[in-house]
Amino acid sequence: MWLHPGFEPAQEHSGGRIDPRPDLGSTPVPCGVVPQISLRTAVVDDAEAIRSIYNHEVATTTSTFELVPKSLDDQRQWIRHREGAFAAIVAIDESQPDNPIAGFGSLSPYKERPAYSTTVEDSVYVDRTMGGRGIGTLLLTHLVDIARASGFHAVMARIEASGTASRALHTKCGFQLVGIERQVGRKFNRWLDVAVMQRLL
């Protein structure tokens, strides 16, 4: 899945927090924290905010290869069907009570065949108006912590190859470029390459 290309994190600051995920039995340790931003597991009531963030990327960018915007019911079903290590997480901006969700992320199975079961793929999106605050770093770090705590061995990221900010963010969080898939996607009348990045746990 894809990482939003427009939110290269700024220098990290102290003062934010990550809420523990009770289903993991331990609190992940982030590489940085962000003031007034906390993380929690997504719930169905978050669907509209998540859909708004995602559909902007569908309609205007190549950060996702999705071509059709999600309906509200689609997004609700997506949240309902995710659980355990694959539950979606949301970044909450506590300074914005009316529209607090600043971004979201999730892990997904990498491939269907059983031999791939120890590998997962990450997906992170941040509201375009929230860029430069380190929220992407916070989300991705938490996803890596979830993957490790859940016993996975590798986390993969597949990023549209021109998304230099997304690639830099993954590099910052310990990922390495392992290959380029040439012209595997087409959107906005363009052939698109995919950069494959990996972090071993």
N, C-alpha and C. Protein backbone atom coordinates (compact mmCIF):
# COMPACT_ATOMS: atom_id res chain seq x y z
N MET A 1 0.83 -1.18 0.00
CA MET A 1 0.00 0.00 0.00
C MET A 1 0.88 1.25 0.00
N TRP A 2 0.22 2.41 0.07
CA TRP A 2 0.96 3.61 -0.30
C TRP A 2 1.09 4.60 0.84
N LEU A 3 2.15 5.34 0.78
CA LEU A 3 2.40 6.38 1.78
C LEU A 3 2.22 7.74 1.13
N HIS A 4 1.45 8.57 1.77
CA HIS A 4 1.20 9.94 1.32
C HIS A 4 2.52 10.65 1.03
N PRO A 5 2.69 11.21 -0.17
CA PRO A 5 3.99 11.77 -0.55
C PRO A 5 4.26 13.16 -0.02
N GLY A 6 3.30 13.80 0.64
CA GLY A 6 3.45 15.21 0.94
C GLY A 6 3.64 15.55 2.39
N PHE A 7 4.10 14.59 3.22
CA PHE A 7 4.21 14.92 4.63
C PHE A 7 5.54 14.53 5.21
N GLU A 8 6.61 14.89 4.52
CA GLU A 8 7.94 14.69 5.09
C GLU A 8 8.00 15.32 6.46
N PRO A 9 8.30 14.53 7.50
CA PRO A 9 8.20 15.05 8.85
C PRO A 9 9.23 16.12 9.16
N ALA A 10 8.83 17.06 9.99
CA ALA A 10 9.77 18.04 10.51
C ALA A 10 10.55 17.43 11.65
N GLN A 11 11.49 18.20 12.22
CA GLN A 11 12.24 17.73 13.37
C GLN A 11 11.28 17.33 14.47
N GLU A 12 11.52 16.16 15.11
CA GLU A 12 10.64 15.68 16.15
C GLU A 12 10.79 16.53 17.41
N HIS A 13 9.70 16.60 18.19
CA HIS A 13 9.68 17.35 19.43
C HIS A 13 9.20 16.45 20.56
N SER A 14 9.40 16.88 21.78
CA SER A 14 8.88 16.14 22.92
C SER A 14 7.50 16.65 23.27
N GLY A 15 6.74 15.82 24.00
CA GLY A 15 5.46 16.29 24.53
C GLY A 15 4.26 15.51 24.05
N GLY A 16 4.35 14.76 22.95
CA GLY A 16 3.24 13.96 22.49
C GLY A 16 3.20 12.65 23.22
N ARG A 17 2.21 11.81 22.87
CA ARG A 17 2.15 10.52 23.52
C ARG A 17 1.56 9.50 22.57
N ILE A 18 1.83 8.24 22.85
CA ILE A 18 1.20 7.14 22.14
C ILE A 18 0.39 6.35 23.14
N ASP A 19 -0.89 6.18 22.88
CA ASP A 19 -1.71 5.38 23.77
C ASP A 19 -1.40 3.91 23.56
N PRO A 20 -1.30 3.12 24.63
CA PRO A 20 -1.00 1.71 24.48
C PRO A 20 -2.13 0.98 23.78
N ARG A 21 -1.80 -0.05 23.03
CA ARG A 21 -2.78 -0.91 22.39
C ARG A 21 -3.00 -2.11 23.30
N PRO A 22 -4.16 -2.25 23.92
CA PRO A 22 -4.34 -3.33 24.88
C PRO A 22 -4.23 -4.71 24.28
N ASP A 23 -4.49 -4.87 22.98
CA ASP A 23 -4.42 -6.20 22.40
C ASP A 23 -2.98 -6.66 22.20
N LEU A 24 -1.99 -5.79 22.34
CA LEU A 24 -0.59 -6.19 22.19
C LEU A 24 0.05 -6.53 23.52
N GLY A 25 -0.51 -6.06 24.60
CA GLY A 25 0.03 -6.40 25.91
C GLY A 25 1.21 -5.56 26.33
N SER A 26 1.63 -4.59 25.52
CA SER A 26 2.74 -3.72 25.89
C SER A 26 2.62 -2.42 25.13
N THR A 27 3.27 -1.39 25.63
CA THR A 27 3.22 -0.09 24.99
C THR A 27 4.40 0.07 24.06
N PRO A 28 4.16 0.32 22.75
CA PRO A 28 5.27 0.53 21.83
C PRO A 28 6.10 1.75 22.22
N VAL A 29 7.37 1.71 21.87
CA VAL A 29 8.27 2.83 22.16
C VAL A 29 8.54 3.55 20.85
N PRO A 30 8.11 4.83 20.70
CA PRO A 30 8.29 5.55 19.45
C PRO A 30 9.70 6.09 19.29
N CYS A 31 10.10 6.37 18.03
CA CYS A 31 11.38 7.02 17.81
C CYS A 31 11.27 8.52 18.01
N GLY A 32 10.05 9.03 18.10
CA GLY A 32 9.83 10.45 18.36
C GLY A 32 8.39 10.66 18.77
N VAL A 33 8.12 11.78 19.38
CA VAL A 33 6.77 12.12 19.75
C VAL A 33 6.43 13.49 19.20
N VAL A 34 5.13 13.79 19.11
CA VAL A 34 4.67 15.01 18.48
C VAL A 34 3.71 15.69 19.44
N PRO A 35 3.90 16.99 19.72
CA PRO A 35 3.01 17.68 20.65
C PRO A 35 1.55 17.59 20.24
N GLN A 36 0.68 17.27 21.19
CA GLN A 36 -0.76 17.26 21.04
C GLN A 36 -1.26 16.18 20.08
N ILE A 37 -0.43 15.23 19.73
CA ILE A 37 -0.85 14.13 18.86
C ILE A 37 -0.75 12.83 19.65
N SER A 38 -1.83 12.07 19.64
CA SER A 38 -1.82 10.74 20.23
C SER A 38 -2.33 9.74 19.20
N LEU A 39 -2.07 8.47 19.42
CA LEU A 39 -2.51 7.41 18.53
C LEU A 39 -3.46 6.49 19.26
N ARG A 40 -4.44 5.98 18.52
CA ARG A 40 -5.33 4.95 19.06
C ARG A 40 -5.83 4.09 17.91
N THR A 41 -6.46 2.98 18.27
CA THR A 41 -7.07 2.10 17.27
C THR A 41 -8.28 2.79 16.65
N ALA A 42 -8.42 2.68 15.34
CA ALA A 42 -9.56 3.27 14.64
C ALA A 42 -10.86 2.56 15.00
N VAL A 43 -11.93 3.32 15.04
CA VAL A 43 -13.28 2.79 15.25
C VAL A 43 -14.15 3.22 14.07
N VAL A 44 -15.32 2.59 13.97
CA VAL A 44 -16.19 2.84 12.82
C VAL A 44 -16.55 4.32 12.69
N ASP A 45 -16.70 5.00 13.81
CA ASP A 45 -17.04 6.43 13.76
C ASP A 45 -15.95 7.28 13.12
N ASP A 46 -14.75 6.72 12.94
CA ASP A 46 -13.66 7.44 12.28
C ASP A 46 -13.74 7.36 10.76
N ALA A 47 -14.71 6.61 10.24
CA ALA A 47 -14.72 6.29 8.81
C ALA A 47 -14.76 7.53 7.92
N GLU A 48 -15.58 8.51 8.26
CA GLU A 48 -15.69 9.68 7.39
C GLU A 48 -14.39 10.47 7.34
N ALA A 49 -13.73 10.64 8.48
CA ALA A 49 -12.46 11.38 8.50
C ALA A 49 -11.39 10.62 7.72
N ILE A 50 -11.31 9.31 7.90
CA ILE A 50 -10.34 8.50 7.16
C ILE A 50 -10.64 8.56 5.66
N ARG A 51 -11.91 8.43 5.31
CA ARG A 51 -12.31 8.47 3.90
C ARG A 51 -11.94 9.80 3.27
N SER A 52 -12.12 10.89 3.98
CA SER A 52 -11.80 12.21 3.44
C SER A 52 -10.31 12.32 3.13
N ILE A 53 -9.48 11.87 4.04
CA ILE A 53 -8.03 11.90 3.82
C ILE A 53 -7.66 11.03 2.63
N TYR A 54 -8.18 9.81 2.60
CA TYR A 54 -7.80 8.85 1.55
C TYR A 54 -8.33 9.28 0.18
N ASN A 55 -9.58 9.70 0.12
CA ASN A 55 -10.15 10.04 -1.18
C ASN A 55 -9.48 11.25 -1.82
N HIS A 56 -8.94 12.16 -1.01
CA HIS A 56 -8.16 13.25 -1.59
C HIS A 56 -6.96 12.70 -2.35
N GLU A 57 -6.32 11.68 -1.78
CA GLU A 57 -5.16 11.07 -2.45
C GLU A 57 -5.58 10.30 -3.70
N VAL A 58 -6.73 9.61 -3.62
CA VAL A 58 -7.24 8.90 -4.79
C VAL A 58 -7.46 9.86 -5.94
N ALA A 59 -8.07 11.00 -5.65
CA ALA A 59 -8.49 11.93 -6.70
C ALA A 59 -7.37 12.79 -7.25
N THR A 60 -6.31 13.04 -6.45
CA THR A 60 -5.36 14.08 -6.84
C THR A 60 -3.90 13.65 -6.90
N THR A 61 -3.55 12.46 -6.40
CA THR A 61 -2.15 12.08 -6.33
C THR A 61 -1.94 10.63 -6.79
N THR A 62 -0.69 10.26 -6.90
CA THR A 62 -0.33 8.87 -7.21
C THR A 62 0.19 8.15 -5.96
N SER A 63 -0.10 8.69 -4.78
CA SER A 63 0.33 8.01 -3.56
C SER A 63 -0.45 6.72 -3.33
N THR A 64 -1.61 6.60 -3.95
CA THR A 64 -2.33 5.33 -4.02
C THR A 64 -2.66 5.06 -5.48
N PHE A 65 -2.65 3.80 -5.85
CA PHE A 65 -3.03 3.44 -7.22
C PHE A 65 -4.52 3.16 -7.32
N GLU A 66 -5.26 3.40 -6.25
CA GLU A 66 -6.72 3.33 -6.30
C GLU A 66 -7.23 4.38 -7.27
N LEU A 67 -8.25 4.04 -8.05
CA LEU A 67 -8.80 4.98 -9.04
C LEU A 67 -10.20 5.45 -8.68
N VAL A 68 -10.88 4.71 -7.82
CA VAL A 68 -12.27 5.03 -7.48
C VAL A 68 -12.35 5.42 -6.01
N PRO A 69 -12.87 6.61 -5.69
CA PRO A 69 -12.99 7.01 -4.29
C PRO A 69 -13.85 6.02 -3.50
N LYS A 70 -13.54 5.89 -2.22
CA LYS A 70 -14.30 5.01 -1.35
C LYS A 70 -15.59 5.68 -0.89
N SER A 71 -16.66 4.90 -0.82
CA SER A 71 -17.89 5.38 -0.20
C SER A 71 -17.76 5.28 1.31
N LEU A 72 -18.68 5.93 2.01
CA LEU A 72 -18.65 5.86 3.47
C LEU A 72 -18.86 4.43 3.93
N ASP A 73 -19.74 3.69 3.28
CA ASP A 73 -19.96 2.29 3.66
C ASP A 73 -18.71 1.45 3.41
N ASP A 74 -18.02 1.71 2.28
CA ASP A 74 -16.75 1.01 2.01
C ASP A 74 -15.77 1.22 3.16
N GLN A 75 -15.66 2.46 3.60
CA GLN A 75 -14.69 2.78 4.64
C GLN A 75 -15.08 2.17 5.98
N ARG A 76 -16.36 2.16 6.27
CA ARG A 76 -16.82 1.50 7.50
C ARG A 76 -16.51 0.01 7.48
N GLN A 77 -16.77 -0.62 6.35
CA GLN A 77 -16.47 -2.05 6.24
C GLN A 77 -14.98 -2.32 6.37
N TRP A 78 -14.16 -1.46 5.80
CA TRP A 78 -12.71 -1.61 5.90
C TRP A 78 -12.27 -1.60 7.35
N ILE A 79 -12.81 -0.69 8.14
CA ILE A 79 -12.45 -0.62 9.56
C ILE A 79 -12.95 -1.86 10.29
N ARG A 80 -14.20 -2.26 10.04
CA ARG A 80 -14.79 -3.41 10.73
C ARG A 80 -14.00 -4.70 10.48
N HIS A 81 -13.46 -4.83 9.29
CA HIS A 81 -12.80 -6.08 8.90
C HIS A 81 -11.34 -6.15 9.34
N ARG A 82 -10.85 -5.10 9.98
CA ARG A 82 -9.46 -5.08 10.43
C ARG A 82 -9.41 -5.30 11.94
N GLU A 83 -8.53 -6.19 12.39
CA GLU A 83 -8.45 -6.48 13.81
C GLU A 83 -7.05 -6.96 14.16
N GLY A 84 -6.77 -7.02 15.45
CA GLY A 84 -5.46 -7.47 15.91
C GLY A 84 -4.35 -6.61 15.35
N ALA A 85 -3.28 -7.25 14.88
CA ALA A 85 -2.15 -6.51 14.32
C ALA A 85 -2.53 -5.74 13.06
N PHE A 86 -3.65 -6.12 12.42
CA PHE A 86 -4.07 -5.48 11.18
C PHE A 86 -5.12 -4.39 11.40
N ALA A 87 -5.42 -4.08 12.67
CA ALA A 87 -6.36 -2.99 12.95
C ALA A 87 -5.75 -1.67 12.50
N ALA A 88 -6.59 -0.79 11.98
CA ALA A 88 -6.12 0.55 11.60
C ALA A 88 -5.87 1.37 12.85
N ILE A 89 -4.91 2.30 12.75
CA ILE A 89 -4.66 3.25 13.82
C ILE A 89 -4.86 4.66 13.28
N VAL A 90 -5.25 5.57 14.17
CA VAL A 90 -5.44 6.96 13.77
C VAL A 90 -4.61 7.87 14.65
N ALA A 91 -4.16 8.97 14.06
CA ALA A 91 -3.45 10.02 14.80
C ALA A 91 -4.46 11.09 15.16
N ILE A 92 -4.55 11.40 16.45
CA ILE A 92 -5.53 12.35 16.95
C ILE A 92 -4.83 13.65 17.32
N ASP A 93 -5.29 14.75 16.73
CA ASP A 93 -4.80 16.08 17.07
C ASP A 93 -5.70 16.63 18.16
N GLU A 94 -5.19 16.63 19.39
CA GLU A 94 -6.00 17.02 20.53
C GLU A 94 -6.32 18.51 20.55
N SER A 95 -5.66 19.28 19.70
CA SER A 95 -5.95 20.72 19.63
C SER A 95 -7.10 21.02 18.68
N GLN A 96 -7.64 20.00 18.00
CA GLN A 96 -8.70 20.18 17.02
C GLN A 96 -9.91 19.31 17.37
N PRO A 97 -10.70 19.69 18.34
CA PRO A 97 -11.81 18.83 18.78
C PRO A 97 -12.86 18.57 17.71
N ASP A 98 -13.03 19.47 16.76
CA ASP A 98 -14.06 19.30 15.74
C ASP A 98 -13.62 18.38 14.60
N ASN A 99 -12.34 18.30 14.36
CA ASN A 99 -11.82 17.45 13.27
C ASN A 99 -10.47 16.90 13.70
N PRO A 100 -10.48 15.98 14.68
CA PRO A 100 -9.21 15.64 15.33
C PRO A 100 -8.32 14.65 14.59
N ILE A 101 -8.84 13.93 13.60
CA ILE A 101 -8.04 12.88 12.96
C ILE A 101 -7.10 13.50 11.94
N ALA A 102 -5.81 13.39 12.22
CA ALA A 102 -4.79 14.00 11.37
C ALA A 102 -4.17 13.02 10.40
N GLY A 103 -4.38 11.73 10.60
CA GLY A 103 -3.81 10.73 9.73
C GLY A 103 -4.19 9.35 10.21
N PHE A 104 -3.85 8.35 9.39
CA PHE A 104 -4.15 6.97 9.76
C PHE A 104 -3.13 6.05 9.11
N GLY A 105 -3.07 4.83 9.62
CA GLY A 105 -2.16 3.84 9.06
C GLY A 105 -2.63 2.44 9.41
N SER A 106 -2.04 1.46 8.74
CA SER A 106 -2.40 0.07 9.00
C SER A 106 -1.32 -0.85 8.45
N LEU A 107 -1.35 -2.07 8.94
CA LEU A 107 -0.58 -3.16 8.37
C LEU A 107 -1.53 -4.09 7.63
N SER A 108 -1.03 -4.72 6.58
CA SER A 108 -1.82 -5.68 5.81
C SER A 108 -0.95 -6.89 5.50
N PRO A 109 -1.57 -8.05 5.30
CA PRO A 109 -0.78 -9.21 4.83
C PRO A 109 -0.07 -8.85 3.52
N TYR A 110 1.16 -9.32 3.37
CA TYR A 110 1.93 -8.96 2.17
C TYR A 110 1.50 -9.76 0.95
N LYS A 111 1.32 -11.06 1.12
CA LYS A 111 0.87 -11.93 0.04
C LYS A 111 -0.06 -12.98 0.65
N GLU A 112 -0.86 -13.62 -0.19
CA GLU A 112 -1.83 -14.59 0.30
C GLU A 112 -1.20 -15.94 0.64
N ARG A 113 -0.15 -16.36 -0.04
CA ARG A 113 0.38 -17.71 0.16
C ARG A 113 1.00 -17.84 1.54
N PRO A 114 0.83 -19.01 2.17
CA PRO A 114 1.23 -19.17 3.58
C PRO A 114 2.69 -18.85 3.88
N ALA A 115 3.59 -19.08 2.94
CA ALA A 115 5.01 -18.84 3.22
C ALA A 115 5.32 -17.36 3.45
N TYR A 116 4.40 -16.48 3.03
CA TYR A 116 4.59 -15.04 3.24
C TYR A 116 4.01 -14.55 4.57
N SER A 117 3.51 -15.45 5.40
CA SER A 117 2.71 -15.04 6.56
C SER A 117 3.51 -14.26 7.61
N THR A 118 4.83 -14.32 7.56
CA THR A 118 5.64 -13.57 8.53
C THR A 118 6.01 -12.17 8.03
N THR A 119 5.46 -11.78 6.88
CA THR A 119 5.75 -10.47 6.29
C THR A 119 4.46 -9.66 6.18
N VAL A 120 4.56 -8.37 6.47
CA VAL A 120 3.41 -7.47 6.35
C VAL A 120 3.80 -6.26 5.52
N GLU A 121 2.78 -5.51 5.10
CA GLU A 121 2.97 -4.30 4.31
C GLU A 121 2.34 -3.13 5.04
N ASP A 122 3.02 -2.00 5.07
CA ASP A 122 2.47 -0.85 5.79
C ASP A 122 1.78 0.13 4.85
N SER A 123 0.88 0.91 5.44
CA SER A 123 0.19 1.97 4.72
C SER A 123 -0.01 3.13 5.68
N VAL A 124 0.39 4.34 5.28
CA VAL A 124 0.28 5.53 6.13
C VAL A 124 -0.19 6.70 5.28
N TYR A 125 -1.19 7.42 5.79
CA TYR A 125 -1.67 8.63 5.13
C TYR A 125 -1.86 9.72 6.18
N VAL A 126 -1.48 10.93 5.85
CA VAL A 126 -1.63 12.08 6.74
C VAL A 126 -2.40 13.17 6.01
N ASP A 127 -3.30 13.82 6.73
CA ASP A 127 -4.05 14.95 6.17
C ASP A 127 -3.07 15.97 5.60
N ARG A 128 -3.34 16.43 4.40
CA ARG A 128 -2.44 17.37 3.73
C ARG A 128 -2.22 18.66 4.52
N THR A 129 -3.20 19.05 5.31
CA THR A 129 -3.06 20.28 6.09
C THR A 129 -2.21 20.07 7.34
N MET A 130 -1.82 18.82 7.62
CA MET A 130 -1.08 18.50 8.84
C MET A 130 0.38 18.16 8.56
N GLY A 131 0.85 18.40 7.34
CA GLY A 131 2.21 18.05 6.98
C GLY A 131 3.25 18.81 7.77
N GLY A 132 4.43 18.21 7.90
CA GLY A 132 5.55 18.88 8.54
C GLY A 132 5.55 18.82 10.05
N ARG A 133 4.67 18.03 10.65
CA ARG A 133 4.61 17.95 12.11
C ARG A 133 5.16 16.64 12.67
N GLY A 134 5.63 15.75 11.80
CA GLY A 134 6.17 14.48 12.27
C GLY A 134 5.12 13.41 12.49
N ILE A 135 3.88 13.63 12.04
CA ILE A 135 2.81 12.67 12.26
C ILE A 135 3.06 11.38 11.49
N GLY A 136 3.58 11.49 10.28
CA GLY A 136 3.90 10.29 9.51
C GLY A 136 4.93 9.42 10.21
N THR A 137 5.95 10.05 10.79
CA THR A 137 6.96 9.31 11.54
C THR A 137 6.34 8.60 12.74
N LEU A 138 5.45 9.28 13.44
CA LEU A 138 4.79 8.70 14.60
C LEU A 138 3.97 7.47 14.21
N LEU A 139 3.18 7.60 13.15
CA LEU A 139 2.36 6.49 12.68
C LEU A 139 3.21 5.31 12.22
N LEU A 140 4.22 5.59 11.39
CA LEU A 140 5.02 4.49 10.85
C LEU A 140 5.82 3.79 11.93
N THR A 141 6.36 4.55 12.87
CA THR A 141 7.10 3.95 13.98
C THR A 141 6.20 3.03 14.79
N HIS A 142 4.97 3.47 15.03
CA HIS A 142 4.02 2.65 15.79
C HIS A 142 3.66 1.37 15.04
N LEU A 143 3.49 1.48 13.72
CA LEU A 143 3.19 0.28 12.93
C LEU A 143 4.35 -0.71 12.99
N VAL A 144 5.58 -0.22 12.92
CA VAL A 144 6.74 -1.12 13.03
C VAL A 144 6.75 -1.79 14.40
N ASP A 145 6.44 -1.03 15.45
CA ASP A 145 6.38 -1.60 16.79
C ASP A 145 5.30 -2.67 16.90
N ILE A 146 4.15 -2.42 16.29
CA ILE A 146 3.07 -3.41 16.29
C ILE A 146 3.53 -4.68 15.57
N ALA A 147 4.17 -4.51 14.41
CA ALA A 147 4.64 -5.67 13.65
C ALA A 147 5.63 -6.50 14.47
N ARG A 148 6.55 -5.82 15.14
CA ARG A 148 7.54 -6.53 15.96
C ARG A 148 6.86 -7.26 17.12
N ALA A 149 5.98 -6.55 17.83
CA ALA A 149 5.31 -7.15 18.98
C ALA A 149 4.41 -8.31 18.57
N SER A 150 3.94 -8.30 17.33
CA SER A 150 3.06 -9.36 16.84
C SER A 150 3.82 -10.54 16.25
N GLY A 151 5.15 -10.47 16.24
CA GLY A 151 5.96 -11.60 15.79
C GLY A 151 6.26 -11.65 14.31
N PHE A 152 6.00 -10.57 13.57
CA PHE A 152 6.34 -10.56 12.15
C PHE A 152 7.84 -10.35 11.98
N HIS A 153 8.36 -10.80 10.84
CA HIS A 153 9.79 -10.74 10.58
C HIS A 153 10.19 -9.58 9.67
N ALA A 154 9.32 -9.19 8.76
CA ALA A 154 9.65 -8.14 7.80
C ALA A 154 8.44 -7.26 7.54
N VAL A 155 8.72 -5.96 7.33
CA VAL A 155 7.69 -5.00 6.92
C VAL A 155 8.09 -4.45 5.56
N MET A 156 7.16 -4.48 4.62
CA MET A 156 7.40 -4.00 3.27
C MET A 156 6.62 -2.71 3.03
N ALA A 157 7.17 -1.87 2.16
CA ALA A 157 6.47 -0.67 1.70
C ALA A 157 6.60 -0.60 0.19
N ARG A 158 5.50 -0.35 -0.49
CA ARG A 158 5.52 -0.20 -1.94
C ARG A 158 5.06 1.23 -2.23
N ILE A 159 5.98 2.06 -2.71
CA ILE A 159 5.78 3.51 -2.81
C ILE A 159 5.96 3.93 -4.26
N GLU A 160 5.03 4.72 -4.77
CA GLU A 160 5.22 5.27 -6.12
C GLU A 160 6.59 5.93 -6.18
N ALA A 161 7.39 5.55 -7.16
CA ALA A 161 8.84 5.79 -7.10
C ALA A 161 9.22 7.26 -7.06
N SER A 162 8.38 8.15 -7.56
CA SER A 162 8.72 9.57 -7.51
C SER A 162 8.39 10.19 -6.15
N GLY A 163 7.83 9.42 -5.24
CA GLY A 163 7.47 9.94 -3.92
C GLY A 163 8.68 10.01 -3.01
N THR A 164 9.55 10.99 -3.26
CA THR A 164 10.81 11.07 -2.53
C THR A 164 10.61 11.31 -1.04
N ALA A 165 9.58 12.08 -0.66
CA ALA A 165 9.34 12.31 0.76
C ALA A 165 8.93 11.02 1.47
N SER A 166 8.10 10.24 0.81
CA SER A 166 7.68 8.97 1.38
C SER A 166 8.85 8.01 1.53
N ARG A 167 9.69 8.00 0.52
CA ARG A 167 10.88 7.13 0.59
C ARG A 167 11.83 7.60 1.69
N ALA A 168 11.97 8.92 1.83
CA ALA A 168 12.84 9.45 2.89
C ALA A 168 12.29 9.12 4.27
N LEU A 169 10.98 9.19 4.42
CA LEU A 169 10.37 8.85 5.70
C LEU A 169 10.62 7.39 6.06
N HIS A 170 10.45 6.51 5.10
CA HIS A 170 10.72 5.09 5.37
C HIS A 170 12.20 4.86 5.68
N THR A 171 13.08 5.54 4.97
CA THR A 171 14.50 5.43 5.28
C THR A 171 14.77 5.86 6.71
N LYS A 172 14.17 6.97 7.13
CA LYS A 172 14.33 7.47 8.48
C LYS A 172 13.89 6.44 9.51
N CYS A 173 12.88 5.65 9.17
CA CYS A 173 12.34 4.65 10.09
C CYS A 173 12.96 3.27 9.88
N GLY A 174 14.10 3.21 9.21
CA GLY A 174 14.88 1.98 9.15
C GLY A 174 14.65 1.11 7.95
N PHE A 175 13.93 1.57 6.95
CA PHE A 175 13.67 0.79 5.74
C PHE A 175 14.81 0.99 4.73
N GLN A 176 15.02 -0.01 3.90
CA GLN A 176 16.01 0.07 2.82
C GLN A 176 15.33 -0.21 1.49
N LEU A 177 15.79 0.48 0.45
CA LEU A 177 15.30 0.22 -0.90
C LEU A 177 15.81 -1.13 -1.38
N VAL A 178 14.91 -2.01 -1.81
CA VAL A 178 15.32 -3.33 -2.28
C VAL A 178 15.01 -3.56 -3.75
N GLY A 179 14.33 -2.61 -4.40
CA GLY A 179 14.08 -2.79 -5.82
C GLY A 179 13.11 -1.76 -6.37
N ILE A 180 13.08 -1.66 -7.71
CA ILE A 180 12.15 -0.79 -8.42
C ILE A 180 11.37 -1.65 -9.41
N GLU A 181 10.05 -1.57 -9.33
CA GLU A 181 9.19 -2.23 -10.31
C GLU A 181 8.84 -1.19 -11.37
N ARG A 182 9.21 -1.46 -12.61
CA ARG A 182 9.09 -0.47 -13.69
C ARG A 182 7.72 -0.53 -14.35
N GLN A 183 7.07 0.64 -14.43
CA GLN A 183 5.83 0.83 -15.19
C GLN A 183 4.78 -0.24 -14.87
N VAL A 184 4.59 -0.49 -13.57
CA VAL A 184 3.61 -1.49 -13.16
C VAL A 184 2.22 -0.90 -12.91
N GLY A 185 2.12 0.43 -12.89
CA GLY A 185 0.83 1.08 -12.68
C GLY A 185 0.61 2.18 -13.69
N ARG A 186 -0.65 2.55 -13.87
CA ARG A 186 -0.98 3.65 -14.77
C ARG A 186 -2.10 4.48 -14.15
N LYS A 187 -1.86 5.79 -14.01
CA LYS A 187 -2.83 6.70 -13.43
C LYS A 187 -2.57 8.09 -13.99
N PHE A 188 -3.62 8.84 -14.22
CA PHE A 188 -3.51 10.19 -14.79
C PHE A 188 -2.73 10.16 -16.12
N ASN A 189 -2.97 9.10 -16.90
CA ASN A 189 -2.32 8.92 -18.21
C ASN A 189 -0.81 8.85 -18.12
N ARG A 190 -0.29 8.32 -17.01
CA ARG A 190 1.16 8.16 -16.83
C ARG A 190 1.46 6.74 -16.42
N TRP A 191 2.57 6.22 -16.91
CA TRP A 191 3.10 4.97 -16.39
C TRP A 191 3.84 5.26 -15.10
N LEU A 192 3.65 4.40 -14.10
CA LEU A 192 4.21 4.65 -12.78
C LEU A 192 5.09 3.48 -12.33
N ASP A 193 6.25 3.84 -11.79
CA ASP A 193 7.15 2.85 -11.18
C ASP A 193 6.85 2.75 -9.69
N VAL A 194 7.23 1.64 -9.10
CA VAL A 194 7.04 1.42 -7.67
C VAL A 194 8.38 1.10 -7.02
N ALA A 195 8.71 1.86 -5.98
CA ALA A 195 9.90 1.57 -5.17
C ALA A 195 9.49 0.62 -4.06
N VAL A 196 10.21 -0.49 -3.94
CA VAL A 196 9.94 -1.47 -2.90
C VAL A 196 10.97 -1.29 -1.79
N MET A 197 10.48 -1.03 -0.57
CA MET A 197 11.36 -0.84 0.57
C MET A 197 11.04 -1.86 1.64
N GLN A 198 12.03 -2.19 2.46
CA GLN A 198 11.87 -3.28 3.43
C GLN A 198 12.59 -2.95 4.72
N ARG A 199 11.98 -3.35 5.82
CA ARG A 199 12.66 -3.33 7.12
C ARG A 199 12.54 -4.71 7.73
N LEU A 200 13.69 -5.31 8.06
CA LEU A 200 13.70 -6.59 8.77
C LEU A 200 13.66 -6.31 10.27
N LEU A 201 12.86 -7.11 10.97
CA LEU A 201 12.68 -6.91 12.40
C LEU A 201 13.50 -7.90 13.21
